[in-house]
C-alpha cells in the first residue's frame, strides 16, 4: 500500500532519503505540466522542475499539514516559473522618450539604413545597362526575351503569338541569353 504524502513528508524530515525520492517521483509529472504551461519550453521546464523540488525540499520544514502537499508544491512551481519569465524579459527602450543619463536627457537617434543612394544608383544603372543590352539584340532574339522575361509568357504562349514552333522559341531564348551574357560580362 502506498504511503500518504503526509507520511512521506514526516519520513523525509526525519532524514529518510527514500521518502524524498518517492515524493519526487510521485509529483514530478504534474509539476512538469504546471511549469510547461507557463514557460512553453521543454528544456527550461526541466530545469525549473529541478529548482522547484530543491526549493520545496529546502523549505519542507515550513510545510503546514492542514493543506494538501500538491497544492503547496504547485504554488512553489508556478512562482518559480513566473520569476524565471520575469528575469528573462528583455528591457525595451522607448523610441519616443529621451534616455536619462547622469549628464541629463539624451534623445535616442537611430540611423535610417532603408535609403541607400549608392545602392539605388547602382540598381538604376544596372537596369539601364540591361535594358540597353536587350535593345541592342537582333529583333528575333529581343522579341522572345521581352515576351519571356518582361511579360512572363510561357514558351507555348510565345510560340503561339509569334507563330513559330516551341523548339524555335527555346533556341532563340537560349541564343539571346548567350548574347546578353557576352554583352554584359564585366559591366553588371
C-alpha atoms as a PDB file:
ATOM      1  CA  UNK A   1       0.000   0.000   0.000  1.00  0.00           C
ATOM      2  CA  UNK A   2       1.345   3.443  -0.989  1.00  0.00           C
ATOM      3  CA  UNK A   3       2.291   5.791   1.781  1.00  0.00           C
ATOM      4  CA  UNK A   4       0.472   9.112   2.023  1.00  0.00           C
ATOM      5  CA  UNK A   5       2.235  12.376   1.176  1.00  0.00           C
ATOM      6  CA  UNK A   6       1.922  13.326   4.841  1.00  0.00           C
ATOM      7  CA  UNK A   7       3.791  10.213   5.985  1.00  0.00           C
ATOM      8  CA  UNK A   8       6.453  10.653   3.284  1.00  0.00           C
ATOM      9  CA  UNK A   9       6.991  14.271   4.383  1.00  0.00           C
ATOM     10  CA  UNK A  10       7.410  13.185   8.015  1.00  0.00           C
ATOM     11  CA  UNK A  11       9.870  10.483   6.941  1.00  0.00           C
ATOM     12  CA  UNK A  12      11.793  12.961   4.745  1.00  0.00           C
ATOM     13  CA  UNK A  13      12.017  15.449   7.593  1.00  0.00           C
ATOM     14  CA  UNK A  14      13.409  12.615   9.734  1.00  0.00           C
ATOM     15  CA  UNK A  15      16.193  12.159   7.142  1.00  0.00           C
ATOM     16  CA  UNK A  16      14.785   9.285   5.041  1.00  0.00           C
ATOM     17  CA  UNK A  17      16.199   9.758   1.517  1.00  0.00           C
ATOM     18  CA  UNK A  18      13.777   7.165   0.105  1.00  0.00           C
ATOM     19  CA  UNK A  19      10.875   9.447   1.132  1.00  0.00           C
ATOM     20  CA  UNK A  20      12.371  12.350  -0.828  1.00  0.00           C
ATOM     21  CA  UNK A  21      12.753  10.122  -3.903  1.00  0.00           C
ATOM     22  CA  UNK A  22       9.166   8.894  -3.577  1.00  0.00           C
ATOM     23  CA  UNK A  23       7.787  12.451  -3.286  1.00  0.00           C
ATOM     24  CA  UNK A  24       9.839  13.492  -6.307  1.00  0.00           C
ATOM     25  CA  UNK A  25       8.703  10.505  -8.405  1.00  0.00           C
ATOM     26  CA  UNK A  26       5.074  10.969  -7.379  1.00  0.00           C
ATOM     27  CA  UNK A  27       4.798  14.699  -8.145  1.00  0.00           C
ATOM     28  CA  UNK A  28       7.338  15.340 -10.925  1.00  0.00           C
ATOM     29  CA  UNK A  29       4.918  14.752 -13.871  1.00  0.00           C
ATOM     30  CA  UNK A  30       2.276  17.154 -12.555  1.00  0.00           C
ATOM     31  CA  UNK A  31       4.881  19.793 -11.630  1.00  0.00           C
ATOM     32  CA  UNK A  32       6.395  19.473 -15.115  1.00  0.00           C
ATOM     33  CA  UNK A  33       2.925  20.049 -16.601  1.00  0.00           C
ATOM     34  CA  UNK A  34       2.253  23.134 -14.438  1.00  0.00           C
ATOM     35  CA  UNK A  35       5.594  24.745 -15.308  1.00  0.00           C
ATOM     36  CA  UNK A  36       5.407  23.846 -19.015  1.00  0.00           C
ATOM     37  CA  UNK A  37       2.015  25.575 -19.281  1.00  0.00           C
ATOM     38  CA  UNK A  38       3.757  28.774 -18.168  1.00  0.00           C
ATOM     39  CA  UNK A  39       7.164  28.713 -19.919  1.00  0.00           C
ATOM     40  CA  UNK A  40       6.382  26.574 -23.025  1.00  0.00           C
ATOM     41  CA  UNK A  41       9.894  25.149 -23.354  1.00  0.00           C
ATOM     42  CA  UNK A  42      10.896  21.568 -22.518  1.00  0.00           C
ATOM     43  CA  UNK A  43      14.497  22.492 -21.642  1.00  0.00           C
ATOM     44  CA  UNK A  44      13.565  25.399 -19.384  1.00  0.00           C
ATOM     45  CA  UNK A  45      10.764  23.363 -17.810  1.00  0.00           C
ATOM     46  CA  UNK A  46      13.130  20.507 -16.922  1.00  0.00           C
ATOM     47  CA  UNK A  47      15.492  22.954 -15.191  1.00  0.00           C
ATOM     48  CA  UNK A  48      12.643  24.683 -13.382  1.00  0.00           C
ATOM     49  CA  UNK A  49      11.233  21.360 -12.143  1.00  0.00           C
ATOM     50  CA  UNK A  50      14.582  20.611 -10.504  1.00  0.00           C
ATOM     51  CA  UNK A  51      14.715  24.086  -8.953  1.00  0.00           C
ATOM     52  CA  UNK A  52      11.151  23.712  -7.693  1.00  0.00           C
ATOM     53  CA  UNK A  53      11.922  20.481  -5.865  1.00  0.00           C
ATOM     54  CA  UNK A  54      15.140  21.923  -4.460  1.00  0.00           C
ATOM     55  CA  UNK A  55      13.211  24.900  -3.092  1.00  0.00           C
ATOM     56  CA  UNK A  56      10.381  22.718  -1.799  1.00  0.00           C
ATOM     57  CA  UNK A  57      12.664  20.213  -0.085  1.00  0.00           C
ATOM     58  CA  UNK A  58      14.765  23.060   1.292  1.00  0.00           C
ATOM     59  CA  UNK A  59      11.724  24.573   2.979  1.00  0.00           C
ATOM     60  CA  UNK A  60       9.880  21.320   3.748  1.00  0.00           C
ATOM     61  CA  UNK A  61      10.019  22.085   7.447  1.00  0.00           C
ATOM     62  CA  UNK A  62       7.762  25.118   6.863  1.00  0.00           C
ATOM     63  CA  UNK A  63       5.068  22.999   5.153  1.00  0.00           C
ATOM     64  CA  UNK A  64       1.779  23.064   7.077  1.00  0.00           C
ATOM     65  CA  UNK A  65      -0.046  19.732   7.140  1.00  0.00           C
ATOM     66  CA  UNK A  66      -3.537  21.243   7.062  1.00  0.00           C
ATOM     67  CA  UNK A  67      -3.025  21.932   3.331  1.00  0.00           C
ATOM     68  CA  UNK A  68      -2.502  19.397   0.558  1.00  0.00           C
ATOM     69  CA  UNK A  69       1.154  18.893  -0.295  1.00  0.00           C
ATOM     70  CA  UNK A  70       0.424  19.013  -4.052  1.00  0.00           C
ATOM     71  CA  UNK A  71      -1.227  22.463  -3.720  1.00  0.00           C
ATOM     72  CA  UNK A  72       1.785  23.780  -1.791  1.00  0.00           C
ATOM     73  CA  UNK A  73       4.131  22.313  -4.406  1.00  0.00           C
ATOM     74  CA  UNK A  74       2.092  23.763  -7.328  1.00  0.00           C
ATOM     75  CA  UNK A  75       2.337  27.209  -5.752  1.00  0.00           C
ATOM     76  CA  UNK A  76       6.128  26.929  -5.499  1.00  0.00           C
ATOM     77  CA  UNK A  77       6.322  25.666  -9.112  1.00  0.00           C
ATOM     78  CA  UNK A  78       4.131  28.441 -10.524  1.00  0.00           C
ATOM     79  CA  UNK A  79       6.015  31.151  -8.617  1.00  0.00           C
ATOM     80  CA  UNK A  80       9.332  29.693  -9.770  1.00  0.00           C
ATOM     81  CA  UNK A  81       8.201  29.702 -13.433  1.00  0.00           C
ATOM     82  CA  UNK A  82       6.830  33.250 -13.212  1.00  0.00           C
ATOM     83  CA  UNK A  83      10.052  34.501 -11.584  1.00  0.00           C
ATOM     84  CA  UNK A  84      12.012  32.845 -14.380  1.00  0.00           C
ATOM     85  CA  UNK A  85       9.950  34.646 -17.028  1.00  0.00           C
ATOM     86  CA  UNK A  86      10.383  37.978 -15.247  1.00  0.00           C
ATOM     87  CA  UNK A  87      14.163  37.579 -15.210  1.00  0.00           C
ATOM     88  CA  UNK A  88      14.129  36.564 -18.858  1.00  0.00           C
ATOM     89  CA  UNK A  89      12.061  39.523 -20.044  1.00  0.00           C
ATOM     90  CA  UNK A  90      14.009  41.956 -22.211  1.00  0.00           C
ATOM     91  CA  UNK A  91      14.062  45.539 -21.087  1.00  0.00           C
ATOM     92  CA  UNK A  92      12.829  47.635 -24.007  1.00  0.00           C
ATOM     93  CA  UNK A  93      13.742  51.219 -24.789  1.00  0.00           C
ATOM     94  CA  UNK A  94      11.127  53.683 -25.931  1.00  0.00           C
ATOM     95  CA  UNK A  95      11.998  55.437 -29.165  1.00  0.00           C
ATOM     96  CA  UNK A  96       9.815  58.395 -28.215  1.00  0.00           C
ATOM     97  CA  UNK A  97      11.216  59.232 -24.789  1.00  0.00           C
ATOM     98  CA  UNK A  98      14.711  60.594 -24.125  1.00  0.00           C
ATOM     99  CA  UNK A  99      17.171  58.448 -22.171  1.00  0.00           C
ATOM    100  CA  UNK A 100      18.110  59.636 -18.675  1.00  0.00           C
ATOM    101  CA  UNK A 101      21.863  59.790 -18.100  1.00  0.00           C
ATOM    102  CA  UNK A 102      23.987  61.265 -15.328  1.00  0.00           C
ATOM    103  CA  UNK A 103      24.555  64.314 -17.579  1.00  0.00           C
ATOM    104  CA  UNK A 104      20.847  64.842 -18.290  1.00  0.00           C
ATOM    105  CA  UNK A 105      18.498  63.696 -21.049  1.00  0.00           C
ATOM    106  CA  UNK A 106      19.719  62.387 -24.371  1.00  0.00           C
ATOM    107  CA  UNK A 107      17.434  61.878 -27.361  1.00  0.00           C
ATOM    108  CA  UNK A 108      17.744  58.462 -28.973  1.00  0.00           C
ATOM    109  CA  UNK A 109      18.855  58.743 -32.572  1.00  0.00           C
ATOM    110  CA  UNK A 110      18.526  55.708 -34.794  1.00  0.00           C
ATOM    111  CA  UNK A 111      20.166  55.745 -38.223  1.00  0.00           C
ATOM    112  CA  UNK A 112      17.886  55.093 -41.188  1.00  0.00           C
ATOM    113  CA  UNK A 113      19.509  52.428 -43.327  1.00  0.00           C
ATOM    114  CA  UNK A 114      16.451  51.913 -45.514  1.00  0.00           C
ATOM    115  CA  UNK A 115      17.622  54.529 -48.052  1.00  0.00           C
ATOM    116  CA  UNK A 116      20.990  53.981 -49.686  1.00  0.00           C
ATOM    117  CA  UNK A 117      21.603  56.396 -52.566  1.00  0.00           C
ATOM    118  CA  UNK A 118      24.613  54.443 -53.852  1.00  0.00           C
ATOM    119  CA  UNK A 119      22.653  51.197 -53.985  1.00  0.00           C
ATOM    120  CA  UNK A 120      19.747  52.956 -55.694  1.00  0.00           C
ATOM    121  CA  UNK A 121      22.091  54.459 -58.291  1.00  0.00           C
ATOM    122  CA  UNK A 122      23.757  51.082 -58.894  1.00  0.00           C
ATOM    123  CA  UNK A 123      20.356  49.403 -59.403  1.00  0.00           C
ATOM    124  CA  UNK A 124      19.233  52.120 -61.835  1.00  0.00           C
ATOM    125  CA  UNK A 125      22.474  51.941 -63.832  1.00  0.00           C
ATOM    126  CA  UNK A 126      22.252  48.166 -63.952  1.00  0.00           C
ATOM    127  CA  UNK A 127      18.641  48.295 -65.170  1.00  0.00           C
ATOM    128  CA  UNK A 128      19.614  50.800 -67.878  1.00  0.00           C
ATOM    129  CA  UNK A 129      22.600  48.682 -68.892  1.00  0.00           C
ATOM    130  CA  UNK A 130      20.499  45.504 -69.120  1.00  0.00           C
ATOM    131  CA  UNK A 131      17.782  47.401 -70.998  1.00  0.00           C
ATOM    132  CA  UNK A 132      20.366  48.768 -73.427  1.00  0.00           C
ATOM    133  CA  UNK A 133      21.793  45.271 -73.936  1.00  0.00           C
ATOM    134  CA  UNK A 134      18.331  43.855 -74.664  1.00  0.00           C
ATOM    135  CA  UNK A 135      17.588  46.730 -77.054  1.00  0.00           C
ATOM    136  CA  UNK A 136      20.818  46.013 -78.960  1.00  0.00           C
ATOM    137  CA  UNK A 137      19.844  42.382 -79.648  1.00  0.00           C
ATOM    138  CA  UNK A 138      18.671  41.384 -83.140  1.00  0.00           C
ATOM    139  CA  UNK A 139      14.853  41.696 -83.366  1.00  0.00           C
ATOM    140  CA  UNK A 140      14.080  37.954 -83.293  1.00  0.00           C
ATOM    141  CA  UNK A 141      16.068  37.489 -80.049  1.00  0.00           C
ATOM    142  CA  UNK A 142      14.899  40.728 -78.433  1.00  0.00           C
ATOM    143  CA  UNK A 143      11.274  39.763 -79.091  1.00  0.00           C
ATOM    144  CA  UNK A 144      11.459  36.368 -77.305  1.00  0.00           C
ATOM    145  CA  UNK A 145      13.453  37.744 -74.354  1.00  0.00           C
ATOM    146  CA  UNK A 146      10.938  40.547 -73.779  1.00  0.00           C
ATOM    147  CA  UNK A 147       7.982  38.152 -74.007  1.00  0.00           C
ATOM    148  CA  UNK A 148       9.595  35.595 -71.700  1.00  0.00           C
ATOM    149  CA  UNK A 149      11.272  37.756 -69.045  1.00  0.00           C
ATOM    150  CA  UNK A 150       9.398  41.045 -69.058  1.00  0.00           C
ATOM    151  CA  UNK A 151       5.897  39.809 -69.867  1.00  0.00           C
ATOM    152  CA  UNK A 152       6.244  36.405 -68.125  1.00  0.00           C
ATOM    153  CA  UNK A 153       4.860  34.436 -71.063  1.00  0.00           C
ATOM    154  CA  UNK A 154       5.259  30.660 -71.303  1.00  0.00           C
ATOM    155  CA  UNK A 155       7.111  29.021 -74.197  1.00  0.00           C
ATOM    156  CA  UNK A 156       3.783  27.837 -75.643  1.00  0.00           C
ATOM    157  CA  UNK A 157       2.267  31.336 -75.470  1.00  0.00           C
ATOM    158  CA  UNK A 158       5.318  32.832 -77.175  1.00  0.00           C
ATOM    159  CA  UNK A 159       5.225  30.156 -79.886  1.00  0.00           C
ATOM    160  CA  UNK A 160       1.532  30.795 -80.493  1.00  0.00           C
ATOM    161  CA  UNK A 161       1.918  34.584 -80.584  1.00  0.00           C
ATOM    162  CA  UNK A 162       4.919  34.523 -82.941  1.00  0.00           C
ATOM    163  CA  UNK A 163       3.563  31.568 -84.964  1.00  0.00           C
ATOM    164  CA  UNK A 164       6.792  29.586 -84.619  1.00  0.00           C
ATOM    165  CA  UNK A 165       7.492  26.127 -83.118  1.00  0.00           C
ATOM    166  CA  UNK A 166       8.204  25.842 -79.344  1.00  0.00           C
ATOM    167  CA  UNK A 167      11.648  24.418 -80.146  1.00  0.00           C
ATOM    168  CA  UNK A 168      12.493  27.570 -82.096  1.00  0.00           C
ATOM    169  CA  UNK A 169      11.334  29.722 -79.146  1.00  0.00           C
ATOM    170  CA  UNK A 170      13.607  27.783 -76.777  1.00  0.00           C
ATOM    171  CA  UNK A 171      16.553  28.027 -79.167  1.00  0.00           C
ATOM    172  CA  UNK A 172      16.097  31.790 -79.644  1.00  0.00           C
ATOM    173  CA  UNK A 173      15.816  32.391 -75.901  1.00  0.00           C
ATOM    174  CA  UNK A 174      18.967  30.340 -75.310  1.00  0.00           C
ATOM    175  CA  UNK A 175      20.828  32.268 -78.029  1.00  0.00           C
ATOM    176  CA  UNK A 176      19.548  35.630 -76.725  1.00  0.00           C
ATOM    177  CA  UNK A 177      20.741  34.807 -73.205  1.00  0.00           C
ATOM    178  CA  UNK A 178      24.178  33.878 -74.525  1.00  0.00           C
ATOM    179  CA  UNK A 179      24.418  37.179 -76.413  1.00  0.00           C
ATOM    180  CA  UNK A 180      23.338  39.097 -73.303  1.00  0.00           C
ATOM    181  CA  UNK A 181      25.972  37.347 -71.185  1.00  0.00           C
ATOM    182  CA  UNK A 182      28.653  38.408 -73.628  1.00  0.00           C
ATOM    183  CA  UNK A 183      27.414  41.995 -73.783  1.00  0.00           C
ATOM    184  CA  UNK A 184      27.051  42.355 -70.017  1.00  0.00           C
ATOM    185  CA  UNK A 185      30.204  40.497 -68.988  1.00  0.00           C
ATOM    186  CA  UNK A 186      32.268  42.798 -66.763  1.00  0.00           C
ATOM    187  CA  UNK A 187      29.585  45.518 -66.753  1.00  0.00           C
ATOM    188  CA  UNK A 188      26.972  44.085 -64.380  1.00  0.00           C
END
